[in-house]
Protein backbone atom coordinates (compact mmCIF):
# COMPACT_ATOMS: atom_id res chain seq x y z
CA UNK A 1 0.00 0.00 0.00
CA UNK A 2 1.00 3.60 -0.46
CA UNK A 3 0.20 4.76 3.09
CA UNK A 4 2.98 2.83 4.89
CA UNK A 5 5.46 4.05 2.26
CA UNK A 6 4.42 7.69 2.81
CA UNK A 7 4.44 7.22 6.60
CA UNK A 8 8.04 5.92 6.54
CA UNK A 9 9.21 8.83 4.36
CA UNK A 10 7.82 11.51 6.67
CA UNK A 11 10.26 13.02 9.17
CA UNK A 12 9.81 13.60 12.88
CA UNK A 13 7.81 12.11 15.73
CA UNK A 14 4.29 10.74 15.37
CA UNK A 15 2.49 14.01 16.19
CA UNK A 16 4.45 15.82 13.47
CA UNK A 17 3.76 13.05 10.96
CA UNK A 18 0.03 13.27 11.68
CA UNK A 19 0.11 17.05 11.27
CA UNK A 20 2.04 16.80 8.00
CA UNK A 21 -0.29 14.11 6.71
CA UNK A 22 -3.35 16.26 7.47
CA UNK A 23 -1.74 19.21 5.71
CA UNK A 24 -0.93 17.00 2.71
CA UNK A 25 -4.52 15.77 2.49
CA UNK A 26 -5.84 19.34 2.76
CA UNK A 27 -3.49 20.46 -0.03
CA UNK A 28 -4.60 17.61 -2.28
CA UNK A 29 -8.28 18.42 -1.70
CA UNK A 30 -7.62 22.12 -2.37
CA UNK A 31 -5.86 21.35 -5.66
CA UNK A 32 -8.71 19.08 -6.70
CA UNK A 33 -11.36 21.73 -6.03
CA UNK A 34 -9.33 24.63 -7.46
CA UNK A 35 -8.03 23.14 -10.70
CA UNK A 36 -8.92 19.50 -11.39
CA UNK A 37 -12.71 19.48 -10.92
CA UNK A 38 -13.31 22.72 -12.91
CA UNK A 39 -11.10 21.42 -15.72
CA UNK A 40 -13.05 18.15 -15.84
CA UNK A 41 -16.43 19.91 -15.95
CA UNK A 42 -15.40 22.20 -18.81
CA UNK A 43 -13.52 19.54 -20.76
CA UNK A 44 -16.21 16.88 -20.62
CA UNK A 45 -19.17 19.33 -20.65
CA UNK A 46 -20.98 17.98 -17.61
CA UNK A 47 -22.41 21.30 -16.40
CA UNK A 48 -26.05 20.28 -16.68
CA UNK A 49 -27.02 17.62 -14.19
CA UNK A 50 -30.63 16.59 -14.29
CA UNK A 51 -32.54 13.46 -13.50
CA UNK A 52 -35.63 12.69 -15.55
CA UNK A 53 -38.50 10.78 -14.05
CA UNK A 54 -39.49 7.68 -15.94
CA UNK A 55 -43.31 7.27 -16.05
PDB file of N, CA and C in Angstrom:
ATOM      1  N   UNK A   1       0.833  -1.200   0.000  1.00  0.00           N
ATOM      2  CA  UNK A   1       0.000   0.000   0.000  1.00  0.00           C
ATOM      3  C   UNK A   1       0.864   1.245   0.000  1.00  0.00           C
ATOM      4  N   UNK A   2       0.270   2.337  -0.383  1.00  0.00           N
ATOM      5  CA  UNK A   2       1.005   3.598  -0.464  1.00  0.00           C
ATOM      6  C   UNK A   2       1.141   4.261   0.916  1.00  0.00           C
ATOM      7  N   UNK A   3       0.163   4.081   1.807  1.00  0.00           N
ATOM      8  CA  UNK A   3       0.202   4.762   3.092  1.00  0.00           C
ATOM      9  C   UNK A   3       1.419   4.406   3.941  1.00  0.00           C
ATOM     10  N   UNK A   4       1.773   3.129   4.101  1.00  0.00           N
ATOM     11  CA  UNK A   4       2.983   2.825   4.885  1.00  0.00           C
ATOM     12  C   UNK A   4       4.248   3.418   4.262  1.00  0.00           C
ATOM     13  N   UNK A   5       4.307   3.460   2.944  1.00  0.00           N
ATOM     14  CA  UNK A   5       5.459   4.055   2.264  1.00  0.00           C
ATOM     15  C   UNK A   5       5.556   5.543   2.575  1.00  0.00           C
ATOM     16  N   UNK A   6       4.429   6.255   2.500  1.00  0.00           N
ATOM     17  CA  UNK A   6       4.416   7.695   2.814  1.00  0.00           C
ATOM     18  C   UNK A   6       4.741   7.910   4.285  1.00  0.00           C
ATOM     19  N   UNK A   7       4.207   7.079   5.158  1.00  0.00           N
ATOM     20  CA  UNK A   7       4.436   7.224   6.598  1.00  0.00           C
ATOM     21  C   UNK A   7       5.923   7.067   6.935  1.00  0.00           C
ATOM     22  N   UNK A   8       6.607   6.125   6.277  1.00  0.00           N
ATOM     23  CA  UNK A   8       8.039   5.924   6.536  1.00  0.00           C
ATOM     24  C   UNK A   8       8.873   7.080   6.008  1.00  0.00           C
ATOM     25  N   UNK A   9       8.436   7.727   4.938  1.00  0.00           N
ATOM     26  CA  UNK A   9       9.207   8.832   4.359  1.00  0.00           C
ATOM     27  C   UNK A   9       9.096  10.126   5.160  1.00  0.00           C
ATOM     28  N   UNK A  10       8.052  10.261   5.944  1.00  0.00           N
ATOM     29  CA  UNK A  10       7.817  11.511   6.667  1.00  0.00           C
ATOM     30  C   UNK A  10       8.777  11.627   7.856  1.00  0.00           C
ATOM     31  N   UNK A  11       9.317  12.829   8.059  1.00  0.00           N
ATOM     32  CA  UNK A  11      10.264  13.020   9.166  1.00  0.00           C
ATOM     33  C   UNK A  11       9.553  13.324  10.483  1.00  0.00           C
ATOM     34  N   UNK A  12      10.264  13.153  11.576  1.00  0.00           N
ATOM     35  CA  UNK A  12       9.805  13.596  12.880  1.00  0.00           C
ATOM     36  C   UNK A  12       9.034  12.571  13.672  1.00  0.00           C
ATOM     37  N   UNK A  13       8.588  12.999  14.864  1.00  0.00           N
ATOM     38  CA  UNK A  13       7.807  12.113  15.730  1.00  0.00           C
ATOM     39  C   UNK A  13       6.381  11.933  15.173  1.00  0.00           C
ATOM     40  N   UNK A  14       5.619  11.103  15.859  1.00  0.00           N
ATOM     41  CA  UNK A  14       4.289  10.742  15.370  1.00  0.00           C
ATOM     42  C   UNK A  14       3.379  11.955  15.250  1.00  0.00           C
ATOM     43  N   UNK A  15       3.385  12.855  16.241  1.00  0.00           N
ATOM     44  CA  UNK A  15       2.487  14.005  16.190  1.00  0.00           C
ATOM     45  C   UNK A  15       2.796  14.900  14.993  1.00  0.00           C
ATOM     46  N   UNK A  16       4.077  15.019  14.637  1.00  0.00           N
ATOM     47  CA  UNK A  16       4.453  15.821  13.472  1.00  0.00           C
ATOM     48  C   UNK A  16       4.049  15.121  12.176  1.00  0.00           C
ATOM     49  N   UNK A  17       4.174  13.810  12.145  1.00  0.00           N
ATOM     50  CA  UNK A  17       3.761  13.053  10.961  1.00  0.00           C
ATOM     51  C   UNK A  17       2.263  13.189  10.724  1.00  0.00           C
ATOM     52  N   UNK A  18       1.480  13.120  11.801  1.00  0.00           N
ATOM     53  CA  UNK A  18       0.030  13.268  11.679  1.00  0.00           C
ATOM     54  C   UNK A  18      -0.311  14.660  11.165  1.00  0.00           C
ATOM     55  N   UNK A  19       0.343  15.675  11.707  1.00  0.00           N
ATOM     56  CA  UNK A  19       0.106  17.049  11.267  1.00  0.00           C
ATOM     57  C   UNK A  19       0.481  17.227   9.795  1.00  0.00           C
ATOM     58  N   UNK A  20       1.619  16.701   9.400  1.00  0.00           N
ATOM     59  CA  UNK A  20       2.041  16.796   8.001  1.00  0.00           C
ATOM     60  C   UNK A  20       1.096  16.036   7.070  1.00  0.00           C
ATOM     61  N   UNK A  21       0.627  14.896   7.522  1.00  0.00           N
ATOM     62  CA  UNK A  21      -0.294  14.113   6.714  1.00  0.00           C
ATOM     63  C   UNK A  21      -1.620  14.843   6.527  1.00  0.00           C
ATOM     64  N   UNK A  22      -2.125  15.474   7.581  1.00  0.00           N
ATOM     65  CA  UNK A  22      -3.354  16.259   7.466  1.00  0.00           C
ATOM     66  C   UNK A  22      -3.173  17.447   6.529  1.00  0.00           C
ATOM     67  N   UNK A  23      -2.028  18.094   6.608  1.00  0.00           N
ATOM     68  CA  UNK A  23      -1.744  19.214   5.707  1.00  0.00           C
ATOM     69  C   UNK A  23      -1.636  18.733   4.263  1.00  0.00           C
ATOM     70  N   UNK A  24      -1.040  17.568   4.057  1.00  0.00           N
ATOM     71  CA  UNK A  24      -0.930  17.000   2.714  1.00  0.00           C
ATOM     72  C   UNK A  24      -2.308  16.671   2.144  1.00  0.00           C
ATOM     73  N   UNK A  25      -3.163  16.088   2.938  1.00  0.00           N
ATOM     74  CA  UNK A  25      -4.518  15.766   2.488  1.00  0.00           C
ATOM     75  C   UNK A  25      -5.288  17.044   2.172  1.00  0.00           C
ATOM     76  N   UNK A  26      -5.162  18.072   3.014  1.00  0.00           N
ATOM     77  CA  UNK A  26      -5.840  19.337   2.755  1.00  0.00           C
ATOM     78  C   UNK A  26      -5.339  19.979   1.467  1.00  0.00           C
ATOM     79  N   UNK A  27      -4.044  19.895   1.205  1.00  0.00           N
ATOM     80  CA  UNK A  27      -3.490  20.456  -0.026  1.00  0.00           C
ATOM     81  C   UNK A  27      -4.001  19.709  -1.252  1.00  0.00           C
ATOM     82  N   UNK A  28      -4.091  18.403  -1.162  1.00  0.00           N
ATOM     83  CA  UNK A  28      -4.602  17.609  -2.284  1.00  0.00           C
ATOM     84  C   UNK A  28      -6.063  17.947  -2.561  1.00  0.00           C
ATOM     85  N   UNK A  29      -6.867  18.061  -1.522  1.00  0.00           N
ATOM     86  CA  UNK A  29      -8.282  18.420  -1.698  1.00  0.00           C
ATOM     87  C   UNK A  29      -8.404  19.824  -2.293  1.00  0.00           C
ATOM     88  N   UNK A  30      -7.580  20.756  -1.831  1.00  0.00           N
ATOM     89  CA  UNK A  30      -7.622  22.120  -2.365  1.00  0.00           C
ATOM     90  C   UNK A  30      -7.263  22.143  -3.849  1.00  0.00           C
ATOM     91  N   UNK A  31      -6.248  21.406  -4.247  1.00  0.00           N
ATOM     92  CA  UNK A  31      -5.861  21.347  -5.657  1.00  0.00           C
ATOM     93  C   UNK A  31      -6.984  20.737  -6.494  1.00  0.00           C
ATOM     94  N   UNK A  32      -7.607  19.697  -5.973  1.00  0.00           N
ATOM     95  CA  UNK A  32      -8.711  19.084  -6.703  1.00  0.00           C
ATOM     96  C   UNK A  32      -9.849  20.074  -6.929  1.00  0.00           C
ATOM     97  N   UNK A  33     -10.252  20.801  -5.894  1.00  0.00           N
ATOM     98  CA  UNK A  33     -11.361  21.731  -6.033  1.00  0.00           C
ATOM     99  C   UNK A  33     -10.998  22.989  -6.817  1.00  0.00           C
ATOM    100  N   UNK A  34      -9.741  23.416  -6.756  1.00  0.00           N
ATOM    101  CA  UNK A  34      -9.332  24.627  -7.464  1.00  0.00           C
ATOM    102  C   UNK A  34      -9.099  24.399  -8.946  1.00  0.00           C
ATOM    103  N   UNK A  35      -8.452  23.299  -9.319  1.00  0.00           N
ATOM    104  CA  UNK A  35      -8.027  23.138 -10.704  1.00  0.00           C
ATOM    105  C   UNK A  35      -8.555  21.884 -11.386  1.00  0.00           C
ATOM    106  N   UNK A  36      -8.578  20.762 -10.714  1.00  0.00           N
ATOM    107  CA  UNK A  36      -8.920  19.503 -11.387  1.00  0.00           C
ATOM    108  C   UNK A  36     -10.419  19.415 -11.689  1.00  0.00           C
ATOM    109  N   UNK A  37     -11.276  19.616 -10.698  1.00  0.00           N
ATOM    110  CA  UNK A  37     -12.712  19.480 -10.922  1.00  0.00           C
ATOM    111  C   UNK A  37     -13.241  20.501 -11.928  1.00  0.00           C
ATOM    112  N   UNK A  38     -12.845  21.790 -11.863  1.00  0.00           N
ATOM    113  CA  UNK A  38     -13.309  22.721 -12.907  1.00  0.00           C
ATOM    114  C   UNK A  38     -12.826  22.334 -14.302  1.00  0.00           C
ATOM    115  N   UNK A  39     -11.607  21.844 -14.413  1.00  0.00           N
ATOM    116  CA  UNK A  39     -11.103  21.422 -15.720  1.00  0.00           C
ATOM    117  C   UNK A  39     -11.919  20.252 -16.268  1.00  0.00           C
ATOM    118  N   UNK A  40     -12.266  19.300 -15.397  1.00  0.00           N
ATOM    119  CA  UNK A  40     -13.050  18.146 -15.835  1.00  0.00           C
ATOM    120  C   UNK A  40     -14.434  18.585 -16.300  1.00  0.00           C
ATOM    121  N   UNK A  41     -15.079  19.500 -15.569  1.00  0.00           N
ATOM    122  CA  UNK A  41     -16.433  19.908 -15.951  1.00  0.00           C
ATOM    123  C   UNK A  41     -16.440  20.670 -17.269  1.00  0.00           C
ATOM    124  N   UNK A  42     -15.419  21.485 -17.535  1.00  0.00           N
ATOM    125  CA  UNK A  42     -15.395  22.199 -18.808  1.00  0.00           C
ATOM    126  C   UNK A  42     -14.923  21.321 -19.955  1.00  0.00           C
ATOM    127  N   UNK A  43     -14.035  20.406 -19.701  1.00  0.00           N
ATOM    128  CA  UNK A  43     -13.519  19.541 -20.762  1.00  0.00           C
ATOM    129  C   UNK A  43     -14.558  18.527 -21.212  1.00  0.00           C
ATOM    130  N   UNK A  44     -15.266  17.924 -20.278  1.00  0.00           N
ATOM    131  CA  UNK A  44     -16.213  16.882 -20.620  1.00  0.00           C
ATOM    132  C   UNK A  44     -17.655  17.370 -20.667  1.00  0.00           C
ATOM    133  N   UNK A  45     -17.861  18.690 -20.509  1.00  0.00           N
ATOM    134  CA  UNK A  45     -19.169  19.332 -20.647  1.00  0.00           C
ATOM    135  C   UNK A  45     -20.240  18.639 -19.802  1.00  0.00           C
ATOM    136  N   UNK A  46     -20.013  18.592 -18.519  1.00  0.00           N
ATOM    137  CA  UNK A  46     -20.977  17.981 -17.608  1.00  0.00           C
ATOM    138  C   UNK A  46     -21.558  19.033 -16.667  1.00  0.00           C
ATOM    139  N   UNK A  47     -21.843  20.226 -17.201  1.00  0.00           N
ATOM    140  CA  UNK A  47     -22.412  21.304 -16.397  1.00  0.00           C
ATOM    141  C   UNK A  47     -23.858  21.035 -16.003  1.00  0.00           C
ATOM    142  N   UNK A  48     -24.641  20.482 -16.915  1.00  0.00           N
ATOM    143  CA  UNK A  48     -26.053  20.283 -16.685  1.00  0.00           C
ATOM    144  C   UNK A  48     -26.302  18.899 -16.090  1.00  0.00           C
ATOM    145  N   UNK A  49     -26.697  18.886 -14.827  1.00  0.00           N
ATOM    146  CA  UNK A  49     -27.017  17.623 -14.186  1.00  0.00           C
ATOM    147  C   UNK A  49     -28.502  17.601 -13.892  1.00  0.00           C
ATOM    148  N   UNK A  50     -29.198  16.708 -14.539  1.00  0.00           N
ATOM    149  CA  UNK A  50     -30.626  16.587 -14.294  1.00  0.00           C
ATOM    150  C   UNK A  50     -31.018  15.120 -14.319  1.00  0.00           C
ATOM    151  N   UNK A  51     -32.037  14.823 -13.556  1.00  0.00           N
ATOM    152  CA  UNK A  51     -32.544  13.461 -13.504  1.00  0.00           C
ATOM    153  C   UNK A  51     -33.992  13.516 -14.009  1.00  0.00           C
ATOM    154  N   UNK A  52     -34.275  12.710 -15.011  1.00  0.00           N
ATOM    155  CA  UNK A  52     -35.625  12.686 -15.551  1.00  0.00           C
ATOM    156  C   UNK A  52     -36.386  11.529 -14.929  1.00  0.00           C
ATOM    157  N   UNK A  53     -37.632  11.816 -14.615  1.00  0.00           N
ATOM    158  CA  UNK A  53     -38.498  10.784 -14.052  1.00  0.00           C
ATOM    159  C   UNK A  53     -39.027   9.908 -15.168  1.00  0.00           C
ATOM    160  N   UNK A  54     -38.986   8.621 -14.953  1.00  0.00           N
ATOM    161  CA  UNK A  54     -39.489   7.679 -15.944  1.00  0.00           C
ATOM    162  C   UNK A  54     -40.921   7.320 -15.539  1.00  0.00           C
ATOM    163  N   UNK A  55     -41.897   7.563 -16.431  1.00  0.00           N
ATOM    164  CA  UNK A  55     -43.306   7.265 -16.053  1.00  0.00           C
ATOM    165  C   UNK A  55     -43.597   5.791 -15.999  1.00  0.00           C
TER     166      UNK A  55
END
